[in-house]
Amino acid sequence: MLLSGALGAAGMNFGAQHAPEFVGKMAQNGVLFHGLEVMGGGSILTGLVLGAIAVFVIERKFINASAFALAGAVLTYFGFMHGEAVGIGGGFGVTPSVALAYLIVAGFLFALSKQAAIVNMPAKIVPAE
């Protein structure tokens, strides 16, 4: 990960054990290291999927946004996104909580696609008498 590499280059031995006191000090200053670890894995695919979801939500194409969220769940389950390694990770996926979050978002977006659309009708022009 970039943060671990940068700290290592700065001379701090921040290996796999992640010094708890240093991570605690980072959290006190607003830097959540675990969140950076989870979001940092597969960041290119993550950016593509989240960007596609955002575009389709803006365009009100909720089925397409739901499909990308579902694809994000599958990619996250196997570790292509939000994971340190690619695999199944003991049967529950590499990061199962994030994959579940993508599934929930996919379900929510699919439910939105089934809602009736509100269409603004232009006002009728009444000719002056």
N, C-alpha and C. Protein backbone atom coordinates (compact mmCIF):
# COMPACT_ATOMS: atom_id res chain seq x y z
N MET A 1 0.83 -1.18 0.00
CA MET A 1 0.00 0.00 0.00
C MET A 1 0.88 1.24 0.00
N LEU A 2 0.36 2.30 -0.57
CA LEU A 2 1.13 3.52 -0.72
C LEU A 2 1.54 4.13 0.61
N LEU A 3 0.63 4.15 1.58
CA LEU A 3 0.94 4.76 2.87
C LEU A 3 2.03 4.00 3.59
N SER A 4 1.96 2.68 3.57
CA SER A 4 3.01 1.87 4.20
C SER A 4 4.35 2.09 3.51
N GLY A 5 4.33 2.16 2.17
CA GLY A 5 5.56 2.41 1.43
C GLY A 5 6.13 3.77 1.72
N ALA A 6 5.28 4.78 1.82
CA ALA A 6 5.76 6.14 2.11
C ALA A 6 6.34 6.22 3.51
N LEU A 7 5.70 5.58 4.48
CA LEU A 7 6.24 5.59 5.84
C LEU A 7 7.55 4.82 5.92
N GLY A 8 7.64 3.73 5.15
CA GLY A 8 8.89 2.97 5.11
C GLY A 8 10.02 3.79 4.49
N ALA A 9 9.70 4.54 3.44
CA ALA A 9 10.70 5.39 2.81
C ALA A 9 11.14 6.52 3.73
N ALA A 10 10.26 6.93 4.63
CA ALA A 10 10.60 7.99 5.58
C ALA A 10 11.42 7.46 6.75
N GLY A 11 11.70 6.16 6.76
CA GLY A 11 12.52 5.59 7.81
C GLY A 11 11.74 4.99 8.96
N MET A 12 10.43 4.97 8.85
CA MET A 12 9.61 4.37 9.91
C MET A 12 9.39 2.91 9.56
N ASN A 13 9.74 2.02 10.47
CA ASN A 13 9.54 0.59 10.24
C ASN A 13 8.08 0.27 10.51
N PHE A 14 7.28 0.37 9.47
CA PHE A 14 5.83 0.20 9.59
C PHE A 14 5.42 -1.05 8.85
N GLY A 15 5.93 -2.17 9.29
CA GLY A 15 5.70 -3.44 8.60
C GLY A 15 4.30 -3.96 8.80
N ALA A 16 4.16 -5.27 8.69
CA ALA A 16 2.85 -5.91 8.72
C ALA A 16 2.15 -5.77 10.08
N GLN A 17 2.92 -5.52 11.14
CA GLN A 17 2.30 -5.44 12.45
C GLN A 17 1.57 -4.13 12.69
N HIS A 18 1.78 -3.11 11.88
CA HIS A 18 1.12 -1.80 11.99
C HIS A 18 1.08 -1.34 13.44
N ALA A 19 2.12 -0.70 13.87
CA ALA A 19 2.24 -0.24 15.25
C ALA A 19 0.93 0.37 15.75
N PRO A 20 0.26 -0.27 16.71
CA PRO A 20 -1.07 0.19 17.15
C PRO A 20 -1.08 1.61 17.68
N GLU A 21 -0.03 1.99 18.38
CA GLU A 21 -0.02 3.35 18.92
C GLU A 21 0.06 4.40 17.81
N PHE A 22 0.79 4.07 16.73
CA PHE A 22 0.89 5.01 15.62
C PHE A 22 -0.44 5.10 14.86
N VAL A 23 -1.09 3.96 14.66
CA VAL A 23 -2.39 3.96 13.98
C VAL A 23 -3.41 4.72 14.83
N GLY A 24 -3.33 4.58 16.15
CA GLY A 24 -4.22 5.33 17.05
C GLY A 24 -4.00 6.83 16.95
N LYS A 25 -2.73 7.24 16.86
CA LYS A 25 -2.43 8.68 16.71
C LYS A 25 -2.93 9.19 15.36
N MET A 26 -2.80 8.36 14.32
CA MET A 26 -3.31 8.76 13.00
C MET A 26 -4.83 8.94 13.06
N ALA A 27 -5.53 8.03 13.75
CA ALA A 27 -6.98 8.12 13.85
C ALA A 27 -7.41 9.38 14.61
N GLN A 28 -6.64 9.77 15.61
CA GLN A 28 -6.96 10.99 16.36
C GLN A 28 -6.86 12.23 15.48
N ASN A 29 -6.05 12.15 14.44
CA ASN A 29 -5.88 13.28 13.53
C ASN A 29 -6.68 13.13 12.24
N GLY A 30 -7.62 12.19 12.22
CA GLY A 30 -8.52 12.07 11.09
C GLY A 30 -8.05 11.14 9.98
N VAL A 31 -6.96 10.40 10.16
CA VAL A 31 -6.48 9.47 9.14
C VAL A 31 -6.82 8.06 9.61
N LEU A 32 -7.79 7.44 8.95
CA LEU A 32 -8.24 6.10 9.32
C LEU A 32 -7.49 5.08 8.46
N PHE A 33 -6.45 4.50 9.03
CA PHE A 33 -5.57 3.62 8.27
C PHE A 33 -6.29 2.39 7.75
N HIS A 34 -7.15 1.79 8.57
CA HIS A 34 -7.84 0.58 8.11
C HIS A 34 -8.75 0.91 6.92
N GLY A 35 -9.41 2.04 6.97
CA GLY A 35 -10.24 2.45 5.84
C GLY A 35 -9.42 2.67 4.59
N LEU A 36 -8.22 3.22 4.75
CA LEU A 36 -7.33 3.41 3.59
C LEU A 36 -6.89 2.07 3.03
N GLU A 37 -6.65 1.10 3.91
CA GLU A 37 -6.28 -0.24 3.44
C GLU A 37 -7.40 -0.87 2.64
N VAL A 38 -8.63 -0.78 3.17
CA VAL A 38 -9.77 -1.43 2.51
C VAL A 38 -10.06 -0.74 1.18
N MET A 39 -10.09 0.57 1.15
CA MET A 39 -10.44 1.29 -0.07
C MET A 39 -9.29 1.30 -1.08
N GLY A 40 -8.06 1.08 -0.64
CA GLY A 40 -6.91 1.19 -1.52
C GLY A 40 -6.68 0.00 -2.43
N GLY A 41 -7.15 -1.18 -2.06
CA GLY A 41 -6.92 -2.36 -2.87
C GLY A 41 -7.74 -2.33 -4.14
N GLY A 42 -7.09 -2.46 -5.28
CA GLY A 42 -7.80 -2.44 -6.56
C GLY A 42 -8.42 -1.09 -6.85
N SER A 43 -7.68 -0.04 -6.59
CA SER A 43 -8.25 1.31 -6.67
C SER A 43 -8.67 1.71 -8.08
N ILE A 44 -8.02 1.17 -9.10
CA ILE A 44 -8.42 1.52 -10.47
C ILE A 44 -9.80 0.96 -10.78
N LEU A 45 -10.02 -0.31 -10.48
CA LEU A 45 -11.35 -0.90 -10.69
C LEU A 45 -12.39 -0.23 -9.79
N THR A 46 -12.00 0.09 -8.57
CA THR A 46 -12.92 0.75 -7.66
C THR A 46 -13.38 2.09 -8.22
N GLY A 47 -12.44 2.86 -8.73
CA GLY A 47 -12.78 4.15 -9.32
C GLY A 47 -13.69 4.02 -10.53
N LEU A 48 -13.41 3.01 -11.36
CA LEU A 48 -14.27 2.79 -12.53
C LEU A 48 -15.69 2.40 -12.14
N VAL A 49 -15.82 1.49 -11.19
CA VAL A 49 -17.14 1.01 -10.80
C VAL A 49 -17.91 2.10 -10.07
N LEU A 50 -17.28 2.78 -9.10
CA LEU A 50 -17.98 3.84 -8.37
C LEU A 50 -18.34 5.00 -9.29
N GLY A 51 -17.44 5.32 -10.23
CA GLY A 51 -17.73 6.37 -11.20
C GLY A 51 -18.91 6.02 -12.09
N ALA A 52 -18.97 4.77 -12.54
CA ALA A 52 -20.08 4.32 -13.39
C ALA A 52 -21.39 4.35 -12.61
N ILE A 53 -21.36 3.94 -11.35
CA ILE A 53 -22.57 3.99 -10.53
C ILE A 53 -23.04 5.43 -10.40
N ALA A 54 -22.12 6.33 -10.12
CA ALA A 54 -22.48 7.74 -9.96
C ALA A 54 -23.08 8.32 -11.25
N VAL A 55 -22.47 8.02 -12.39
CA VAL A 55 -22.98 8.54 -13.66
C VAL A 55 -24.39 8.02 -13.93
N PHE A 56 -24.61 6.73 -13.72
CA PHE A 56 -25.93 6.17 -14.00
C PHE A 56 -26.98 6.67 -13.01
N VAL A 57 -26.59 6.95 -11.78
CA VAL A 57 -27.55 7.52 -10.83
C VAL A 57 -27.92 8.94 -11.26
N ILE A 58 -26.92 9.72 -11.67
CA ILE A 58 -27.20 11.08 -12.14
C ILE A 58 -28.11 11.05 -13.36
N GLU A 59 -27.89 10.11 -14.25
CA GLU A 59 -28.71 9.98 -15.45
C GLU A 59 -30.04 9.26 -15.19
N ARG A 60 -30.27 8.86 -13.95
CA ARG A 60 -31.48 8.14 -13.53
C ARG A 60 -31.66 6.81 -14.27
N LYS A 61 -30.56 6.17 -14.57
CA LYS A 61 -30.60 4.83 -15.18
C LYS A 61 -30.24 3.84 -14.06
N PHE A 62 -31.22 3.61 -13.19
CA PHE A 62 -30.96 2.85 -11.97
C PHE A 62 -30.69 1.38 -12.23
N ILE A 63 -31.22 0.81 -13.30
CA ILE A 63 -30.93 -0.59 -13.64
C ILE A 63 -29.44 -0.73 -13.94
N ASN A 64 -28.90 0.19 -14.74
CA ASN A 64 -27.48 0.13 -15.08
C ASN A 64 -26.61 0.35 -13.84
N ALA A 65 -27.02 1.29 -12.99
CA ALA A 65 -26.27 1.54 -11.76
C ALA A 65 -26.31 0.31 -10.86
N SER A 66 -27.47 -0.35 -10.81
CA SER A 66 -27.60 -1.58 -10.02
C SER A 66 -26.69 -2.68 -10.57
N ALA A 67 -26.60 -2.77 -11.89
CA ALA A 67 -25.73 -3.79 -12.50
C ALA A 67 -24.27 -3.54 -12.15
N PHE A 68 -23.85 -2.28 -12.17
CA PHE A 68 -22.46 -1.98 -11.81
C PHE A 68 -22.21 -2.22 -10.33
N ALA A 69 -23.19 -1.95 -9.48
CA ALA A 69 -23.03 -2.23 -8.05
C ALA A 69 -22.93 -3.75 -7.82
N LEU A 70 -23.71 -4.52 -8.58
CA LEU A 70 -23.62 -5.97 -8.49
C LEU A 70 -22.25 -6.46 -8.96
N ALA A 71 -21.76 -5.87 -10.06
CA ALA A 71 -20.42 -6.22 -10.54
C ALA A 71 -19.37 -5.85 -9.49
N GLY A 72 -19.57 -4.72 -8.82
CA GLY A 72 -18.65 -4.32 -7.75
C GLY A 72 -18.66 -5.32 -6.60
N ALA A 73 -19.84 -5.86 -6.29
CA ALA A 73 -19.93 -6.87 -5.23
C ALA A 73 -19.16 -8.12 -5.60
N VAL A 74 -19.30 -8.57 -6.84
CA VAL A 74 -18.58 -9.77 -7.29
C VAL A 74 -17.07 -9.53 -7.30
N LEU A 75 -16.66 -8.39 -7.85
CA LEU A 75 -15.23 -8.08 -7.89
C LEU A 75 -14.65 -7.94 -6.48
N THR A 76 -15.42 -7.37 -5.57
CA THR A 76 -14.96 -7.23 -4.19
C THR A 76 -14.90 -8.58 -3.50
N TYR A 77 -15.87 -9.44 -3.76
CA TYR A 77 -15.88 -10.76 -3.14
C TYR A 77 -14.61 -11.54 -3.47
N PHE A 78 -14.18 -11.45 -4.72
CA PHE A 78 -12.99 -12.20 -5.13
C PHE A 78 -11.69 -11.42 -4.94
N GLY A 79 -11.77 -10.20 -4.41
CA GLY A 79 -10.56 -9.46 -4.06
C GLY A 79 -10.00 -8.59 -5.15
N PHE A 80 -10.67 -8.47 -6.29
CA PHE A 80 -10.16 -7.59 -7.33
C PHE A 80 -10.30 -6.13 -6.92
N MET A 81 -11.29 -5.84 -6.09
CA MET A 81 -11.48 -4.52 -5.52
C MET A 81 -11.47 -4.66 -4.00
N HIS A 82 -10.94 -3.69 -3.31
CA HIS A 82 -10.97 -3.61 -1.84
C HIS A 82 -10.31 -4.81 -1.16
N GLY A 83 -9.33 -5.42 -1.78
CA GLY A 83 -8.67 -6.56 -1.16
C GLY A 83 -7.17 -6.53 -1.36
N GLU A 84 -6.46 -7.17 -0.44
CA GLU A 84 -5.01 -7.25 -0.56
C GLU A 84 -4.57 -8.34 -1.51
N ALA A 85 -5.43 -9.34 -1.71
CA ALA A 85 -5.07 -10.48 -2.55
C ALA A 85 -6.31 -10.94 -3.31
N VAL A 86 -6.08 -11.64 -4.38
CA VAL A 86 -7.18 -12.20 -5.17
C VAL A 86 -7.42 -13.62 -4.70
N GLY A 87 -8.66 -13.96 -4.46
CA GLY A 87 -8.99 -15.31 -4.01
C GLY A 87 -10.37 -15.33 -3.40
N ILE A 88 -10.64 -16.38 -2.64
CA ILE A 88 -11.93 -16.50 -2.00
C ILE A 88 -11.83 -16.12 -0.53
N GLY A 89 -10.70 -16.25 0.07
CA GLY A 89 -10.52 -15.78 1.44
C GLY A 89 -11.25 -16.59 2.49
N GLY A 90 -11.10 -17.88 2.48
CA GLY A 90 -11.71 -18.72 3.52
C GLY A 90 -13.19 -18.99 3.29
N GLY A 91 -13.68 -18.81 2.09
CA GLY A 91 -15.06 -19.13 1.78
C GLY A 91 -16.03 -17.97 1.89
N PHE A 92 -15.66 -16.89 2.58
CA PHE A 92 -16.56 -15.75 2.73
C PHE A 92 -16.11 -14.55 1.93
N GLY A 93 -15.19 -14.72 1.01
CA GLY A 93 -14.69 -13.60 0.23
C GLY A 93 -13.54 -12.92 0.92
N VAL A 94 -12.85 -12.07 0.18
CA VAL A 94 -11.69 -11.37 0.72
C VAL A 94 -12.14 -10.28 1.69
N THR A 95 -13.11 -9.48 1.29
CA THR A 95 -13.69 -8.46 2.17
C THR A 95 -15.21 -8.59 2.12
N PRO A 96 -15.76 -9.52 2.89
CA PRO A 96 -17.19 -9.81 2.78
C PRO A 96 -18.09 -8.65 3.19
N SER A 97 -17.67 -7.83 4.14
CA SER A 97 -18.53 -6.73 4.57
C SER A 97 -18.69 -5.69 3.46
N VAL A 98 -17.64 -5.43 2.71
CA VAL A 98 -17.72 -4.46 1.62
C VAL A 98 -18.53 -5.06 0.46
N ALA A 99 -18.36 -6.35 0.20
CA ALA A 99 -19.15 -7.01 -0.85
C ALA A 99 -20.63 -6.97 -0.49
N LEU A 100 -20.95 -7.18 0.78
CA LEU A 100 -22.34 -7.10 1.22
C LEU A 100 -22.89 -5.69 1.05
N ALA A 101 -22.07 -4.69 1.33
CA ALA A 101 -22.50 -3.30 1.13
C ALA A 101 -22.82 -3.03 -0.34
N TYR A 102 -22.00 -3.53 -1.24
CA TYR A 102 -22.29 -3.38 -2.67
C TYR A 102 -23.59 -4.08 -3.04
N LEU A 103 -23.86 -5.26 -2.46
CA LEU A 103 -25.12 -5.97 -2.74
C LEU A 103 -26.32 -5.17 -2.24
N ILE A 104 -26.18 -4.57 -1.07
CA ILE A 104 -27.28 -3.75 -0.53
C ILE A 104 -27.53 -2.55 -1.43
N VAL A 105 -26.46 -1.90 -1.89
CA VAL A 105 -26.60 -0.76 -2.81
C VAL A 105 -27.24 -1.22 -4.11
N ALA A 106 -26.84 -2.38 -4.62
CA ALA A 106 -27.43 -2.90 -5.86
C ALA A 106 -28.92 -3.15 -5.68
N GLY A 107 -29.31 -3.71 -4.56
CA GLY A 107 -30.73 -3.94 -4.29
C GLY A 107 -31.50 -2.64 -4.17
N PHE A 108 -30.92 -1.65 -3.50
CA PHE A 108 -31.57 -0.35 -3.36
C PHE A 108 -31.75 0.32 -4.72
N LEU A 109 -30.71 0.28 -5.54
CA LEU A 109 -30.81 0.90 -6.86
C LEU A 109 -31.81 0.16 -7.75
N PHE A 110 -31.86 -1.17 -7.63
CA PHE A 110 -32.85 -1.93 -8.39
C PHE A 110 -34.26 -1.57 -7.96
N ALA A 111 -34.46 -1.40 -6.64
CA ALA A 111 -35.78 -1.00 -6.14
C ALA A 111 -36.14 0.39 -6.66
N LEU A 112 -35.16 1.28 -6.73
CA LEU A 112 -35.43 2.62 -7.28
C LEU A 112 -35.85 2.54 -8.74
N SER A 113 -35.30 1.58 -9.47
CA SER A 113 -35.64 1.48 -10.89
C SER A 113 -37.09 1.06 -11.09
N LYS A 114 -37.69 0.45 -10.09
CA LYS A 114 -39.07 0.00 -10.19
C LYS A 114 -40.07 1.06 -9.73
N GLN A 115 -39.59 2.17 -9.21
CA GLN A 115 -40.47 3.26 -8.79
C GLN A 115 -40.99 4.01 -10.01
N ALA A 116 -42.16 4.56 -9.88
CA ALA A 116 -42.73 5.35 -10.97
C ALA A 116 -41.94 6.64 -11.13
N ALA A 117 -41.67 6.99 -12.36
CA ALA A 117 -40.91 8.21 -12.63
C ALA A 117 -41.85 9.40 -12.54
N ILE A 118 -41.34 10.48 -11.98
CA ILE A 118 -42.10 11.72 -11.91
C ILE A 118 -41.68 12.58 -13.10
N VAL A 119 -42.64 12.90 -13.94
CA VAL A 119 -42.35 13.68 -15.14
C VAL A 119 -43.01 15.04 -14.99
N ASN A 120 -42.23 16.09 -15.11
CA ASN A 120 -42.78 17.43 -15.05
C ASN A 120 -43.37 17.77 -16.41
N MET A 121 -44.64 18.07 -16.41
CA MET A 121 -45.32 18.45 -17.64
C MET A 121 -45.21 19.97 -17.82
N PRO A 122 -44.98 20.40 -19.03
CA PRO A 122 -44.91 21.84 -19.24
C PRO A 122 -46.27 22.49 -18.99
N ALA A 123 -46.23 23.70 -18.49
CA ALA A 123 -47.48 24.40 -18.22
C ALA A 123 -48.22 24.70 -19.51
N LYS A 124 -49.53 24.60 -19.48
CA LYS A 124 -50.33 24.89 -20.65
C LYS A 124 -50.39 26.40 -20.87
N ILE A 125 -50.25 26.78 -22.10
CA ILE A 125 -50.32 28.19 -22.44
C ILE A 125 -51.77 28.50 -22.81
N VAL A 126 -52.34 29.39 -22.07
CA VAL A 126 -53.72 29.78 -22.31
C VAL A 126 -53.70 31.08 -23.10
N PRO A 127 -54.32 31.07 -24.28
CA PRO A 127 -54.30 32.30 -25.08
C PRO A 127 -55.11 33.41 -24.40
N ALA A 128 -54.63 34.62 -24.54
CA ALA A 128 -55.33 35.78 -23.97
C ALA A 128 -56.59 36.05 -24.75
N GLU A 129 -57.62 36.44 -24.07
CA GLU A 129 -58.89 36.72 -24.76
C GLU A 129 -59.00 38.15 -25.14
